Every structure is written in C-alpha cells, then in structure tokens.
Amino acid sequence: MDNNELTKAYDAVIEATEKAVKAGIDYDLKKESLDGVIAIAISKGDIVGKNEQERKAAAIMAFSAQYDAVNAAEVKYRGMKLELDMAKLHLDCLRDILRIEELAKD
C-alpha cells in the first residue's frame, strides 16, 4: 500500500462528509419549512381535526408536495451518511493494513 491510496481514502472521507452535511442541512431546512407551513395552517384553521392524527392526515393531504420533498431529502441524507460510513470503513481498513505492514517490518 502506498501513501497515494491513503490520501485518496482521506479525500473520499472529506468529500463524503461535505455531501452528508449538505444533505443534512437541506433535509433540516425542508422539514423546518414544512413544520412552519403546517403550524401556520393550523393556527389559521385551514387544517382541522379532532386529534393529532387527523390533523396530520389533513396536513399530508394539503401539503403532499412538501411532504414528498422532505421524504426525498431524508432519503438522500441517509444515503450520504451511508456513503460517509463506507468511506470511513475503507479508511480504517487501509490504516489497519498500514499498521500490520509496519509491524511486519519489525
């Protein structure tokens, strides 16, 4: 194993981290926006229901496009986190190989 391979693994972790953070921010912003829109609609009386479950169902019907966007952003975020985890595992494996090679030299 050479330093170039290790450098590539570190770069992959950095890139995956950036993507996961951006996807997480996008998801949080979309979720917060949806929550705000729903809160306003409930306070105006546009969304009604006898209980929380009925209000949630009404909100999903009223704001289905935004719910879909939030769900898509969550799926993307989970995918980016998985890529980050995989990049970290690859880096850990390379570091372990490097340690074994160093120990074998002694």
C-alpha atoms as a PDB file:
ATOM      1  CA  MET A   1       0.000   0.000   0.000  1.00  0.00           C
ATOM      2  CA  ASP A   2       1.273   3.464  -0.825  1.00  0.00           C
ATOM      3  CA  ASN A   3       0.596   6.940   0.511  1.00  0.00           C
ATOM      4  CA  ASN A   4      -1.399   7.816  -2.596  1.00  0.00           C
ATOM      5  CA  GLU A   5      -4.019   5.205  -1.719  1.00  0.00           C
ATOM      6  CA  LEU A   6      -4.252   6.514   1.836  1.00  0.00           C
ATOM      7  CA  THR A   7      -4.532  10.100   0.593  1.00  0.00           C
ATOM      8  CA  LYS A   8      -7.367   9.092  -1.740  1.00  0.00           C
ATOM      9  CA  ALA A   9      -9.177   7.449   1.176  1.00  0.00           C
ATOM     10  CA  TYR A  10      -8.844  10.589   3.307  1.00  0.00           C
ATOM     11  CA  ASP A  11     -10.088  12.691   0.378  1.00  0.00           C
ATOM     12  CA  ALA A  12     -13.070  10.352  -0.007  1.00  0.00           C
ATOM     13  CA  VAL A  13     -13.944  10.799   3.670  1.00  0.00           C
ATOM     14  CA  ILE A  14     -13.703  14.583   3.340  1.00  0.00           C
ATOM     15  CA  GLU A  15     -15.880  14.591   0.221  1.00  0.00           C
ATOM     16  CA  ALA A  16     -18.443  12.245   1.777  1.00  0.00           C
ATOM     17  CA  THR A  17     -18.538  14.396   4.910  1.00  0.00           C
ATOM     18  CA  GLU A  18     -19.233  17.516   2.871  1.00  0.00           C
ATOM     19  CA  LYS A  19     -22.023  15.773   0.955  1.00  0.00           C
ATOM     20  CA  ALA A  20     -23.596  14.369   4.125  1.00  0.00           C
ATOM     21  CA  VAL A  21     -23.514  17.753   5.858  1.00  0.00           C
ATOM     22  CA  LYS A  22     -25.081  19.488   2.848  1.00  0.00           C
ATOM     23  CA  ALA A  23     -27.764  16.813   2.549  1.00  0.00           C
ATOM     24  CA  GLY A  24     -28.458  17.051   6.284  1.00  0.00           C
ATOM     25  CA  ILE A  25     -28.828  20.811   6.113  1.00  0.00           C
ATOM     26  CA  ASP A  26     -31.133  20.509   3.099  1.00  0.00           C
ATOM     27  CA  TYR A  27     -33.271  17.953   4.921  1.00  0.00           C
ATOM     28  CA  ASP A  28     -33.447  20.073   8.090  1.00  0.00           C
ATOM     29  CA  LEU A  29     -34.401  23.200   6.155  1.00  0.00           C
ATOM     30  CA  LYS A  30     -37.146  21.422   4.228  1.00  0.00           C
ATOM     31  CA  LYS A  31     -38.505  19.818   7.384  1.00  0.00           C
ATOM     32  CA  GLU A  32     -38.473  23.103   9.306  1.00  0.00           C
ATOM     33  CA  SER A  33     -40.189  24.869   6.416  1.00  0.00           C
ATOM     34  CA  LEU A  34     -42.889  22.207   6.254  1.00  0.00           C
ATOM     35  CA  ASP A  35     -43.395  22.328  10.022  1.00  0.00           C
ATOM     36  CA  GLY A  36     -43.763  26.102   9.833  1.00  0.00           C
ATOM     37  CA  VAL A  37     -46.277  25.958   6.997  1.00  0.00           C
ATOM     38  CA  ILE A  38     -48.316  23.373   8.890  1.00  0.00           C
ATOM     39  CA  ALA A  39     -48.235  25.408  12.097  1.00  0.00           C
ATOM     40  CA  ILE A  40     -49.473  28.488  10.249  1.00  0.00           C
ATOM     41  CA  ALA A  41     -52.218  26.487   8.514  1.00  0.00           C
ATOM     42  CA  ILE A  42     -53.361  25.014  11.845  1.00  0.00           C
ATOM     43  CA  SER A  43     -53.379  28.422  13.520  1.00  0.00           C
ATOM     44  CA  LYS A  44     -55.450  29.867  10.646  1.00  0.00           C
ATOM     45  CA  GLY A  45     -57.881  26.973  10.863  1.00  0.00           C
ATOM     46  CA  ASP A  46     -57.006  25.658   7.393  1.00  0.00           C
ATOM     47  CA  ILE A  47     -56.110  22.277   8.874  1.00  0.00           C
ATOM     48  CA  VAL A  48     -58.633  20.836  11.267  1.00  0.00           C
ATOM     49  CA  GLY A  49     -59.077  17.545  13.019  1.00  0.00           C
ATOM     50  CA  LYS A  50     -60.357  16.113  16.259  1.00  0.00           C
ATOM     51  CA  ASN A  51     -56.926  14.844  17.244  1.00  0.00           C
ATOM     52  CA  GLU A  52     -53.273  14.967  16.223  1.00  0.00           C
ATOM     53  CA  GLN A  53     -53.630  12.004  13.880  1.00  0.00           C
ATOM     54  CA  GLU A  54     -56.482  13.634  11.926  1.00  0.00           C
ATOM     55  CA  ARG A  55     -54.607  16.937  11.728  1.00  0.00           C
ATOM     56  CA  LYS A  56     -51.501  15.159  10.461  1.00  0.00           C
ATOM     57  CA  ALA A  57     -53.524  13.338   7.800  1.00  0.00           C
ATOM     58  CA  ALA A  58     -55.095  16.627   6.718  1.00  0.00           C
ATOM     59  CA  ALA A  59     -51.664  18.261   6.591  1.00  0.00           C
ATOM     60  CA  ILE A  60     -50.291  15.454   4.442  1.00  0.00           C
ATOM     61  CA  MET A  61     -53.169  15.899   2.024  1.00  0.00           C
ATOM     62  CA  ALA A  62     -52.808  19.678   1.952  1.00  0.00           C
ATOM     63  CA  PHE A  63     -49.034  19.739   1.621  1.00  0.00           C
ATOM     64  CA  SER A  64     -48.272  16.483  -0.169  1.00  0.00           C
ATOM     65  CA  ALA A  65     -45.638  18.016  -2.457  1.00  0.00           C
ATOM     66  CA  GLN A  66     -43.718  19.409   0.511  1.00  0.00           C
ATOM     67  CA  TYR A  67     -44.008  16.099   2.371  1.00  0.00           C
ATOM     68  CA  ASP A  68     -42.615  14.350  -0.705  1.00  0.00           C
ATOM     69  CA  ALA A  69     -39.719  16.828  -0.841  1.00  0.00           C
ATOM     70  CA  VAL A  70     -38.951  16.267   2.849  1.00  0.00           C
ATOM     71  CA  ASN A  71     -39.061  12.487   2.387  1.00  0.00           C
ATOM     72  CA  ALA A  72     -36.791  12.686  -0.675  1.00  0.00           C
ATOM     73  CA  ALA A  73     -34.347  14.901   1.231  1.00  0.00           C
ATOM     74  CA  GLU A  74     -34.316  12.424   4.112  1.00  0.00           C
ATOM     75  CA  VAL A  75     -33.606   9.518   1.775  1.00  0.00           C
ATOM     76  CA  LYS A  76     -30.768  11.488   0.162  1.00  0.00           C
ATOM     77  CA  TYR A  77     -29.359  12.386   3.593  1.00  0.00           C
ATOM     78  CA  ARG A  78     -29.435   8.755   4.732  1.00  0.00           C
ATOM     79  CA  GLY A  79     -27.683   7.747   1.518  1.00  0.00           C
ATOM     80  CA  MET A  80     -24.973  10.345   2.027  1.00  0.00           C
ATOM     81  CA  LYS A  81     -24.485   9.198   5.630  1.00  0.00           C
ATOM     82  CA  LEU A  82     -24.105   5.640   4.364  1.00  0.00           C
ATOM     83  CA  GLU A  83     -21.501   6.772   1.837  1.00  0.00           C
ATOM     84  CA  LEU A  84     -19.660   8.549   4.639  1.00  0.00           C
ATOM     85  CA  ASP A  85     -19.744   5.453   6.822  1.00  0.00           C
ATOM     86  CA  MET A  86     -18.425   3.348   3.948  1.00  0.00           C
ATOM     87  CA  ALA A  87     -15.610   5.824   3.238  1.00  0.00           C
ATOM     88  CA  LYS A  88     -14.647   5.779   6.919  1.00  0.00           C
ATOM     89  CA  LEU A  89     -14.622   1.979   6.947  1.00  0.00           C
ATOM     90  CA  HIS A  90     -12.396   1.920   3.882  1.00  0.00           C
ATOM     91  CA  LEU A  91     -10.015   4.382   5.521  1.00  0.00           C
ATOM     92  CA  ASP A  92      -9.973   2.329   8.730  1.00  0.00           C
ATOM     93  CA  CYS A  93      -9.133  -0.794   6.739  1.00  0.00           C
ATOM     94  CA  LEU A  94      -6.275   0.951   4.989  1.00  0.00           C
ATOM     95  CA  ARG A  95      -4.933   2.273   8.272  1.00  0.00           C
ATOM     96  CA  ASP A  96      -5.101  -1.222   9.763  1.00  0.00           C
ATOM     97  CA  ILE A  97      -3.228  -2.620   6.763  1.00  0.00           C
ATOM     98  CA  LEU A  98      -0.581   0.059   7.197  1.00  0.00           C
ATOM     99  CA  ARG A  99      -0.188  -0.844  10.880  1.00  0.00           C
ATOM    100  CA  ILE A 100       0.138  -4.536  10.038  1.00  0.00           C
ATOM    101  CA  GLU A 101       2.756  -3.767   7.382  1.00  0.00           C
ATOM    102  CA  GLU A 102       4.697  -1.650   9.863  1.00  0.00           C
ATOM    103  CA  LEU A 103       4.564  -4.402  12.478  1.00  0.00           C
ATOM    104  CA  ALA A 104       5.643  -6.983   9.931  1.00  0.00           C
ATOM    105  CA  LYS A 105       8.779  -4.968   9.179  1.00  0.00           C
ATOM    106  CA  ASP A 106       9.929  -5.190  12.777  1.00  0.00           C
END
